[in-house]
Amino acid sequence: MREVPPRYVTVFLIFICTCVCYVEHVGFSIAYTAAADAAGINQSSKGIILSAFYYGYACSQVPGGWTSQRLGGRRVLLFSFVLWSLICALVPPDPTQVKTLILARLLVGVAQGFVAPSVHTVLAQWVPPHEQSRSVSLTMSGMYLGAAAGMLFLPSLVKFQGPRLVFLSEAALGSIWSMLWLRFGDDPPHSNGSKAAGFCQSSLPIKKMENAGVAAHATKIPWKRISLSLPIWAIVVNNFTYHYALYVLMNWLPTYFEQGLQLSLQEMGSCKMLPYLIMFLFSNIGGVVADYLIVKRILSVVRTRKFVNTIGFIVAAFSLAALPMFRTSFGAVFCSSITLGFLALGRAGFAVNHLDIAPRYAGIVMGVSNTAGTLAGIVGVGLTGHLLESSKSAHSDLSSPEAWRSVFCIPGCLCIFSSLMFLLFSTGERIFQ
């Protein structure tokens, strides 16, 4: 029986990793929203609690990239999972314990902030260039499958068992993954050693693979060049926009369905998970299409990245603007599915571009980029709470389309702006040797 290449095992485990992380993201939002609504917590206060995660997440992005490059992504990823799983097990289910909840979410954010930089460090060291688009798309699509699973199962779990069991279930999932990673996760291959065999199966020259896999601790990290690079700024701006739209929808769609459309999440059945399933599908389609265009030399690397990024973000912009016009469950689910699906498609543009331009410093660049994405969560989730509170005062409730128009139009405008930035300043050439 033919042995599975080690890099495929690594990519699969990272896919499961991102899946579990987003079960936790969606799970807390669903459990806390149900408990907060039952306790009469206002929208502004909900926004503060929901956005607390992103403050901690922002603080650990760049340190996560630096630590991953120095100590190895495998170790840092394991540490992250053990830490946030332990915190989830201790989260109180009482929504009135505001200070405790804020502290818990901050710490979970800090722990999970190490995930994305360490994942990109591992992928840069394991995955050959001709597989990078689909590997990054696959591993990141785990986020959407996790969110879909959370939306499908967790509302009923909250209804019948309460928020506490949701937190314990998330902690159990994190612990199980940690044991799998400890057992099957492997250190990255090196140019001299038995693990280089994982790369020799690739059709690429070993020299090229070596260059992608060298850890950054062997050289000085060019912080100034990174901070002044326009191609990196193009990635940063798109990461901010992507996560602004994603986190606003992820954290506030339950409220939009229940208060904006007067629908019950429990009664919506499986259709409420459709937006995240579409994200999962489109993310992988984007990765496969991008790799095909590059390998077959239909488009250059930079033209491929710009093509999928622009298509994804422009379609998402229009569907975001249209979302508050739909007043039925089918219309809202369809429109939010188009929005999230094409945002996920765009990841095969800006998100993979880290590995194109700076494979040696992929964890660092991802840390910088994801810091911007996390700031988007802080701004977007918190601002949405204030916008809804103001709209509620003006319209007496949140059931009118006008109450939600600004919530969805802001990320729509950002999508158009960031796609133009990527068109103007991105590159597919390696700019950090």
Protein backbone atom coordinates (compact mmCIF):
# COMPACT_ATOMS: atom_id res chain seq x y z
CA MET A 1 0.00 0.00 0.00
CA ARG A 2 1.40 3.36 -1.01
CA GLU A 3 2.40 5.58 1.89
CA VAL A 4 0.61 8.92 2.21
CA PRO A 5 3.13 11.78 1.78
CA PRO A 6 3.78 13.48 5.14
CA ARG A 7 2.78 16.89 3.79
CA TYR A 8 -0.74 15.61 3.01
CA VAL A 9 -1.15 14.43 6.61
CA THR A 10 0.04 17.84 7.81
CA VAL A 11 -2.32 19.74 5.51
CA PHE A 12 -5.26 17.58 6.59
CA LEU A 13 -4.55 18.09 10.29
CA ILE A 14 -4.29 21.85 9.76
CA PHE A 15 -7.64 21.74 7.94
CA ILE A 16 -9.17 20.08 11.03
CA CYS A 17 -7.39 22.67 13.20
CA THR A 18 -9.05 25.64 11.50
CA CYS A 19 -12.37 23.78 11.53
CA VAL A 20 -12.24 23.36 15.31
CA CYS A 21 -11.20 26.99 15.84
CA TYR A 22 -14.28 28.25 14.02
CA VAL A 23 -16.61 25.87 15.81
CA GLU A 24 -15.38 27.75 18.88
CA HIS A 25 -15.88 31.18 17.26
CA VAL A 26 -19.44 30.49 16.14
CA GLY A 27 -20.24 28.50 19.27
CA PHE A 28 -19.44 31.34 21.64
CA SER A 29 -21.42 33.81 19.52
CA ILE A 30 -24.51 31.54 19.50
CA ALA A 31 -24.30 30.55 23.18
CA TYR A 32 -23.59 34.05 24.43
CA THR A 33 -26.23 35.69 22.19
CA ALA A 34 -28.91 33.31 23.48
CA ALA A 35 -27.91 33.87 27.11
CA ALA A 36 -27.55 37.65 26.68
CA ASP A 37 -30.93 38.03 24.96
CA ALA A 38 -32.59 36.02 27.72
CA ALA A 39 -30.96 38.29 30.31
CA GLY A 40 -31.95 41.48 28.45
CA ILE A 41 -28.39 42.59 27.63
CA ASN A 42 -28.40 45.51 25.16
CA GLN A 43 -26.73 45.42 21.74
CA SER A 44 -23.81 47.69 22.68
CA SER A 45 -22.86 45.49 25.62
CA LYS A 46 -23.14 42.40 23.42
CA GLY A 47 -20.80 44.07 20.93
CA ILE A 48 -18.21 44.69 23.65
CA ILE A 49 -18.20 41.06 24.76
CA LEU A 50 -18.18 39.68 21.22
CA SER A 51 -15.32 41.96 20.16
CA ALA A 52 -13.16 41.25 23.24
CA PHE A 53 -11.78 38.14 21.53
CA TYR A 54 -10.27 40.25 18.76
CA TYR A 55 -8.28 42.49 21.10
CA GLY A 56 -6.41 39.46 22.38
CA TYR A 57 -6.19 38.02 18.88
CA ALA A 58 -4.59 41.23 17.56
CA CYS A 59 -1.97 41.29 20.31
CA SER A 60 -0.58 37.85 19.49
CA GLN A 61 -0.45 37.88 15.67
CA VAL A 62 3.04 39.31 15.14
CA PRO A 63 4.47 37.58 18.25
CA GLY A 64 2.87 34.40 16.90
CA GLY A 65 4.68 34.79 13.58
CA TRP A 66 8.00 35.56 15.26
CA THR A 67 7.66 32.68 17.73
CA SER A 68 6.67 30.24 14.99
CA GLN A 69 9.72 31.15 12.93
CA ARG A 70 12.00 30.77 15.94
CA LEU A 71 10.55 27.72 17.69
CA GLY A 72 8.72 26.01 14.84
CA GLY A 73 5.07 26.23 13.82
CA ARG A 74 4.27 22.72 15.07
CA ARG A 75 5.14 23.50 18.70
CA VAL A 76 3.44 26.88 18.71
CA LEU A 77 0.25 25.45 17.20
CA LEU A 78 0.09 22.76 19.89
CA PHE A 79 0.63 25.32 22.66
CA SER A 80 -2.15 27.50 21.26
CA PHE A 81 -4.71 24.70 21.22
CA VAL A 82 -3.93 23.46 24.70
CA LEU A 83 -4.25 26.99 26.11
CA TRP A 84 -7.53 28.04 24.49
CA SER A 85 -9.15 24.66 25.17
CA LEU A 86 -8.37 25.01 28.87
CA ILE A 87 -9.83 28.53 28.96
CA CYS A 88 -13.02 27.42 27.16
CA ALA A 89 -13.56 24.75 29.79
CA LEU A 90 -13.53 27.46 32.47
CA VAL A 91 -15.74 30.09 30.74
CA PRO A 92 -18.77 31.00 32.90
CA PRO A 93 -22.18 30.69 31.18
CA ASP A 94 -23.63 33.71 33.03
CA PRO A 95 -23.83 36.74 30.64
CA THR A 96 -23.93 39.16 33.56
CA GLN A 97 -20.35 38.28 34.59
CA VAL A 98 -19.06 40.88 32.18
CA LYS A 99 -15.50 41.27 33.49
CA THR A 100 -14.91 37.53 33.65
CA LEU A 101 -16.28 37.02 30.15
CA ILE A 102 -14.16 39.84 28.74
CA LEU A 103 -11.02 38.39 30.36
CA ALA A 104 -11.83 34.88 29.11
CA ARG A 105 -12.44 36.07 25.55
CA LEU A 106 -9.27 38.15 25.61
CA LEU A 107 -7.22 35.11 26.65
CA VAL A 108 -8.87 32.84 24.07
CA GLY A 109 -8.08 35.52 21.48
CA VAL A 110 -4.42 35.65 22.55
CA ALA A 111 -4.13 31.86 22.35
CA GLN A 112 -5.84 31.56 18.97
CA GLY A 113 -3.83 34.48 17.60
CA PHE A 114 -0.87 32.12 17.34
CA VAL A 115 -2.78 29.75 15.03
CA ALA A 116 -2.71 31.54 11.65
CA PRO A 117 0.99 32.58 11.74
CA SER A 118 2.10 29.12 12.85
CA VAL A 119 -0.09 27.48 10.18
CA HIS A 120 1.48 29.62 7.44
CA THR A 121 4.96 28.86 8.79
CA VAL A 122 4.23 25.13 8.58
CA LEU A 123 2.70 25.38 5.10
CA ALA A 124 5.62 27.43 3.77
CA GLN A 125 7.99 24.70 4.95
CA TRP A 126 5.94 21.70 3.85
CA VAL A 127 4.03 22.61 0.66
CA PRO A 128 5.64 22.97 -2.80
CA PRO A 129 4.77 26.15 -4.76
CA HIS A 130 2.55 24.41 -7.31
CA GLU A 131 0.27 23.15 -4.48
CA GLN A 132 0.18 26.33 -2.40
CA SER A 133 -3.10 27.83 -3.66
CA ARG A 134 -5.16 24.72 -3.03
CA SER A 135 -3.33 23.83 0.20
CA VAL A 136 -3.91 27.26 1.73
CA SER A 137 -7.49 27.31 0.42
CA LEU A 138 -8.18 23.83 1.82
CA THR A 139 -6.71 24.49 5.23
CA MET A 140 -8.45 27.85 5.56
CA SER A 141 -11.74 26.39 4.31
CA GLY A 142 -11.82 24.41 7.53
CA MET A 143 -12.93 27.68 9.13
CA TYR A 144 -16.11 27.66 7.07
CA LEU A 145 -16.89 24.00 7.58
CA GLY A 146 -16.44 24.54 11.31
CA ALA A 147 -18.73 27.57 11.22
CA ALA A 148 -21.34 25.57 9.25
CA ALA A 149 -21.21 22.71 11.76
CA GLY A 150 -21.53 25.19 14.60
CA MET A 151 -24.54 26.90 13.03
CA LEU A 152 -26.23 23.53 12.43
CA PHE A 153 -25.78 21.81 15.77
CA LEU A 154 -25.06 24.40 18.45
CA PRO A 155 -28.37 26.37 18.52
CA SER A 156 -30.20 23.17 19.47
CA LEU A 157 -27.51 22.30 22.01
CA VAL A 158 -27.93 25.73 23.61
CA LYS A 159 -31.72 25.40 23.61
CA PHE A 160 -31.85 21.98 25.25
CA GLN A 161 -28.65 21.83 27.31
CA GLY A 162 -27.65 25.46 27.88
CA PRO A 163 -24.53 27.50 27.02
CA ARG A 164 -22.25 25.68 29.45
CA LEU A 165 -22.27 22.44 27.46
CA VAL A 166 -21.30 24.37 24.32
CA PHE A 167 -18.17 25.69 26.02
CA LEU A 168 -17.26 22.24 27.35
CA SER A 169 -17.80 20.68 23.91
CA GLU A 170 -15.46 23.22 22.32
CA ALA A 171 -12.81 22.50 24.96
CA ALA A 172 -13.14 18.77 24.26
CA LEU A 173 -12.72 19.28 20.50
CA GLY A 174 -9.59 21.37 21.08
CA SER A 175 -8.14 18.73 23.38
CA ILE A 176 -8.80 15.90 20.90
CA TRP A 177 -7.12 17.83 18.10
CA SER A 178 -4.10 18.54 20.33
CA MET A 179 -3.63 14.82 20.93
CA LEU A 180 -3.90 14.09 17.19
CA TRP A 181 -1.35 16.80 16.38
CA LEU A 182 1.00 15.51 19.07
CA ARG A 183 0.72 12.00 17.65
CA PHE A 184 0.69 12.62 13.89
CA GLY A 185 1.97 16.18 13.38
CA ASP A 186 5.55 16.15 12.13
CA ASP A 187 8.40 18.64 12.06
CA PRO A 188 9.00 20.29 8.66
CA PRO A 189 11.34 18.70 6.16
CA HIS A 190 14.95 19.83 5.81
CA SER A 191 17.26 19.77 2.87
CA ASN A 192 19.41 17.11 4.51
CA GLY A 193 17.61 14.41 6.44
CA SER A 194 15.08 11.67 6.07
CA LYS A 195 12.12 14.02 5.99
CA ALA A 196 13.30 15.56 2.76
CA ALA A 197 11.64 12.59 1.10
CA GLY A 198 8.30 14.32 1.52
CA PHE A 199 9.53 16.95 -0.92
CA CYS A 200 11.33 14.62 -3.27
CA GLN A 201 7.95 13.31 -4.31
CA SER A 202 7.26 16.72 -5.78
CA SER A 203 8.21 17.41 -9.36
CA LEU A 204 9.89 20.64 -8.27
CA PRO A 205 13.64 20.98 -7.98
CA ILE A 206 14.88 20.41 -4.43
CA LYS A 207 16.68 23.75 -4.48
CA LYS A 208 13.42 25.61 -4.91
CA MET A 209 11.81 23.66 -2.09
CA GLU A 210 14.79 24.29 0.15
CA ASN A 211 14.40 28.01 -0.28
CA ALA A 212 10.76 27.90 0.71
CA GLY A 213 11.43 25.80 3.77
CA VAL A 214 14.34 27.59 5.38
CA ALA A 215 13.38 28.99 8.74
CA ALA A 216 13.74 32.69 9.19
CA HIS A 217 15.85 32.33 12.33
CA ALA A 218 18.84 31.74 10.05
CA THR A 219 18.71 35.35 8.90
CA LYS A 220 17.74 38.71 10.25
CA ILE A 221 14.07 39.53 9.75
CA PRO A 222 13.77 42.62 7.48
CA TRP A 223 11.15 44.47 9.53
CA LYS A 224 11.68 47.82 7.79
CA ARG A 225 11.31 46.39 4.28
CA ILE A 226 8.22 44.46 5.37
CA SER A 227 6.60 47.57 6.84
CA LEU A 228 7.33 49.70 3.76
CA SER A 229 6.43 47.16 1.07
CA LEU A 230 3.41 48.18 -1.04
CA PRO A 231 2.63 44.56 -2.07
CA ILE A 232 2.44 43.64 1.61
CA TRP A 233 0.22 46.64 2.29
CA ALA A 234 -2.06 45.42 -0.51
CA ILE A 235 -2.38 42.10 1.34
CA VAL A 236 -2.91 43.87 4.66
CA VAL A 237 -5.75 46.05 3.34
CA ASN A 238 -7.50 43.06 1.78
CA ASN A 239 -7.08 41.02 4.94
CA PHE A 240 -8.67 43.85 6.94
CA THR A 241 -11.65 44.02 4.58
CA TYR A 242 -12.11 40.26 4.37
CA HIS A 243 -12.20 39.87 8.12
CA TYR A 244 -14.35 42.95 8.67
CA ALA A 245 -17.06 41.42 6.48
CA LEU A 246 -16.54 37.89 7.82
CA TYR A 247 -16.57 38.77 11.51
CA VAL A 248 -19.53 41.12 11.22
CA LEU A 249 -21.58 38.40 9.50
CA MET A 250 -20.32 35.63 11.77
CA ASN A 251 -21.10 37.49 14.98
CA TRP A 252 -24.27 39.33 13.94
CA LEU A 253 -26.05 37.00 11.50
CA PRO A 254 -27.74 35.19 14.43
CA THR A 255 -29.08 38.58 15.61
CA TYR A 256 -30.06 39.54 12.05
CA PHE A 257 -32.03 36.34 11.56
CA GLU A 258 -33.75 36.49 14.95
CA GLN A 259 -34.40 40.23 15.36
CA GLY A 260 -34.02 41.63 11.85
CA LEU A 261 -36.14 38.95 10.15
CA GLN A 262 -38.02 37.62 13.21
CA LEU A 263 -36.82 34.06 12.56
CA SER A 264 -35.82 31.39 15.06
CA LEU A 265 -32.41 29.78 14.50
CA GLN A 266 -33.76 26.49 15.83
CA GLU A 267 -36.69 26.54 13.39
CA MET A 268 -34.53 27.48 10.38
CA GLY A 269 -33.11 23.97 10.30
CA SER A 270 -30.08 23.20 8.16
CA CYS A 271 -30.46 26.23 5.87
CA LYS A 272 -28.74 28.49 8.41
CA MET A 273 -25.47 26.64 7.81
CA LEU A 274 -25.63 27.10 4.03
CA PRO A 275 -23.55 30.35 3.91
CA TYR A 276 -20.61 28.60 5.57
CA LEU A 277 -20.92 25.49 3.40
CA ILE A 278 -20.82 27.76 0.34
CA MET A 279 -17.69 29.38 1.78
CA PHE A 280 -16.10 25.96 2.19
CA LEU A 281 -16.96 25.05 -1.41
CA PHE A 282 -15.89 28.35 -2.98
CA SER A 283 -12.65 28.50 -1.01
CA ASN A 284 -11.53 25.18 -2.46
CA ILE A 285 -12.77 26.05 -5.94
CA GLY A 286 -10.69 29.24 -5.79
CA GLY A 287 -7.57 27.34 -4.78
CA VAL A 288 -7.94 24.67 -7.46
CA VAL A 289 -8.70 27.22 -10.19
CA ALA A 290 -5.76 29.43 -9.18
CA ASP A 291 -3.30 26.51 -9.20
CA TYR A 292 -4.66 25.35 -12.57
CA LEU A 293 -4.25 28.79 -14.14
CA ILE A 294 -0.69 29.03 -12.84
CA VAL A 295 0.49 25.48 -13.58
CA LYS A 296 -0.99 25.52 -17.11
CA ARG A 297 0.52 28.97 -17.60
CA ILE A 298 -2.82 30.42 -18.67
CA LEU A 299 -2.14 33.40 -16.41
CA SER A 300 0.95 34.52 -14.52
CA VAL A 301 1.00 34.24 -10.73
CA VAL A 302 0.22 37.92 -10.19
CA ARG A 303 -2.57 37.99 -12.81
CA THR A 304 -4.11 34.89 -11.25
CA ARG A 305 -4.05 36.42 -7.77
CA LYS A 306 -5.57 39.68 -9.04
CA PHE A 307 -8.22 37.87 -11.08
CA VAL A 308 -9.65 35.71 -8.28
CA ASN A 309 -9.28 38.47 -5.69
CA THR A 310 -11.16 41.02 -7.80
CA ILE A 311 -13.99 38.65 -8.78
CA GLY A 312 -14.43 37.57 -5.17
CA PHE A 313 -14.48 41.00 -3.57
CA ILE A 314 -16.55 42.84 -6.18
CA VAL A 315 -19.35 40.25 -6.17
CA ALA A 316 -19.28 40.25 -2.36
CA ALA A 317 -19.60 44.05 -2.33
CA PHE A 318 -22.81 44.01 -4.37
CA SER A 319 -24.36 41.15 -2.42
CA LEU A 320 -23.60 42.91 0.88
CA ALA A 321 -25.41 46.01 -0.35
CA ALA A 322 -28.39 43.87 -1.39
CA LEU A 323 -28.59 41.79 1.82
CA PRO A 324 -30.94 44.06 3.86
CA MET A 325 -33.40 44.15 0.92
CA PHE A 326 -34.19 40.44 1.36
CA ARG A 327 -36.94 39.92 3.95
CA THR A 328 -37.42 36.15 3.76
CA SER A 329 -35.27 33.37 5.20
CA PHE A 330 -34.52 32.03 1.70
CA GLY A 331 -33.50 35.45 0.37
CA ALA A 332 -31.32 36.31 3.36
CA VAL A 333 -29.59 32.92 3.38
CA PHE A 334 -29.05 33.09 -0.40
CA CYS A 335 -27.60 36.60 -0.30
CA SER A 336 -25.36 35.95 2.71
CA SER A 337 -24.19 32.73 1.00
CA ILE A 338 -23.17 34.66 -2.13
CA THR A 339 -21.38 37.22 0.04
CA LEU A 340 -19.40 34.73 2.08
CA GLY A 341 -18.79 32.39 -0.85
CA PHE A 342 -17.16 35.01 -3.03
CA LEU A 343 -15.18 36.41 -0.11
CA ALA A 344 -13.79 32.90 0.34
CA LEU A 345 -13.02 32.71 -3.37
CA GLY A 346 -10.97 35.90 -2.98
CA ARG A 347 -8.69 34.19 -0.45
CA ALA A 348 -6.97 32.41 -3.35
CA GLY A 349 -5.80 35.92 -4.27
CA PHE A 350 -4.60 37.93 -1.30
CA ALA A 351 -4.23 35.15 1.30
CA VAL A 352 -1.91 32.94 -0.76
CA ASN A 353 0.11 35.98 -1.88
CA HIS A 354 2.06 35.78 1.42
CA LEU A 355 3.72 32.62 0.15
CA ASP A 356 4.38 34.07 -3.32
CA ILE A 357 6.31 37.12 -2.19
CA ALA A 358 7.87 36.04 1.12
CA PRO A 359 7.96 32.24 1.65
CA ARG A 360 10.92 32.56 4.01
CA TYR A 361 8.98 34.95 6.26
CA ALA A 362 5.46 33.60 5.68
CA GLY A 363 4.65 33.40 9.40
CA ILE A 364 5.85 36.95 10.02
CA VAL A 365 3.99 38.44 7.06
CA MET A 366 0.87 36.49 7.99
CA GLY A 367 1.16 37.82 11.54
CA VAL A 368 1.34 41.41 10.28
CA SER A 369 -1.51 40.86 7.82
CA ASN A 370 -3.70 39.05 10.30
CA THR A 371 -3.18 41.81 12.87
CA ALA A 372 -5.00 44.08 10.44
CA GLY A 373 -7.67 41.44 10.00
CA THR A 374 -8.08 41.22 13.74
CA LEU A 375 -8.36 44.98 14.10
CA ALA A 376 -11.20 44.69 11.59
CA GLY A 377 -12.93 42.33 14.03
CA ILE A 378 -12.48 44.81 16.86
CA VAL A 379 -13.76 47.72 14.80
CA GLY A 380 -16.45 45.91 12.84
CA VAL A 381 -18.05 43.83 15.61
CA GLY A 382 -17.99 46.68 18.14
CA LEU A 383 -19.15 49.32 15.65
CA THR A 384 -22.01 47.11 14.50
CA GLY A 385 -23.31 46.90 18.06
CA HIS A 386 -23.33 50.71 18.34
CA LEU A 387 -24.94 51.11 14.89
CA LEU A 388 -27.71 48.69 15.81
CA GLU A 389 -28.30 50.35 19.17
CA SER A 390 -28.65 53.71 17.41
CA SER A 391 -30.92 52.20 14.77
CA LYS A 392 -33.05 50.59 17.45
CA SER A 393 -33.56 53.98 19.06
CA ALA A 394 -34.48 55.55 15.72
CA HIS A 395 -36.76 52.76 14.45
CA SER A 396 -38.02 51.34 17.79
CA ASP A 397 -36.76 47.85 16.85
CA LEU A 398 -34.35 46.05 14.49
CA SER A 399 -36.91 44.55 12.13
CA SER A 400 -36.70 47.26 9.45
CA PRO A 401 -34.19 47.09 6.54
CA GLU A 402 -33.00 50.64 7.36
CA ALA A 403 -31.73 49.45 10.73
CA TRP A 404 -29.27 47.10 8.99
CA ARG A 405 -28.34 49.04 5.83
CA SER A 406 -25.24 50.75 7.24
CA VAL A 407 -24.13 47.48 8.88
CA PHE A 408 -23.80 45.78 5.49
CA CYS A 409 -22.91 48.76 3.27
CA ILE A 410 -19.71 49.58 5.20
CA PRO A 411 -17.99 46.25 4.42
CA GLY A 412 -19.36 46.44 0.87
CA CYS A 413 -17.58 49.75 0.27
CA LEU A 414 -14.42 48.35 1.85
CA CYS A 415 -14.51 45.40 -0.58
CA ILE A 416 -14.46 47.74 -3.58
CA PHE A 417 -11.63 49.85 -2.14
CA SER A 418 -9.43 46.89 -1.18
CA SER A 419 -9.87 45.13 -4.53
CA LEU A 420 -8.60 48.29 -6.26
CA MET A 421 -5.62 48.37 -3.87
CA PHE A 422 -4.76 44.78 -4.75
CA LEU A 423 -5.07 45.45 -8.47
CA LEU A 424 -2.68 48.40 -8.23
CA PHE A 425 0.02 47.21 -5.84
CA SER A 426 0.14 43.41 -5.58
CA THR A 427 2.85 41.29 -7.19
CA GLY A 428 3.54 37.61 -7.72
CA GLU A 429 7.31 37.92 -7.61
CA ARG A 430 9.40 36.95 -4.61
CA ILE A 431 10.50 40.22 -3.01
CA PHE A 432 12.14 38.78 0.11
CA GLN A 433 14.97 36.35 -0.67
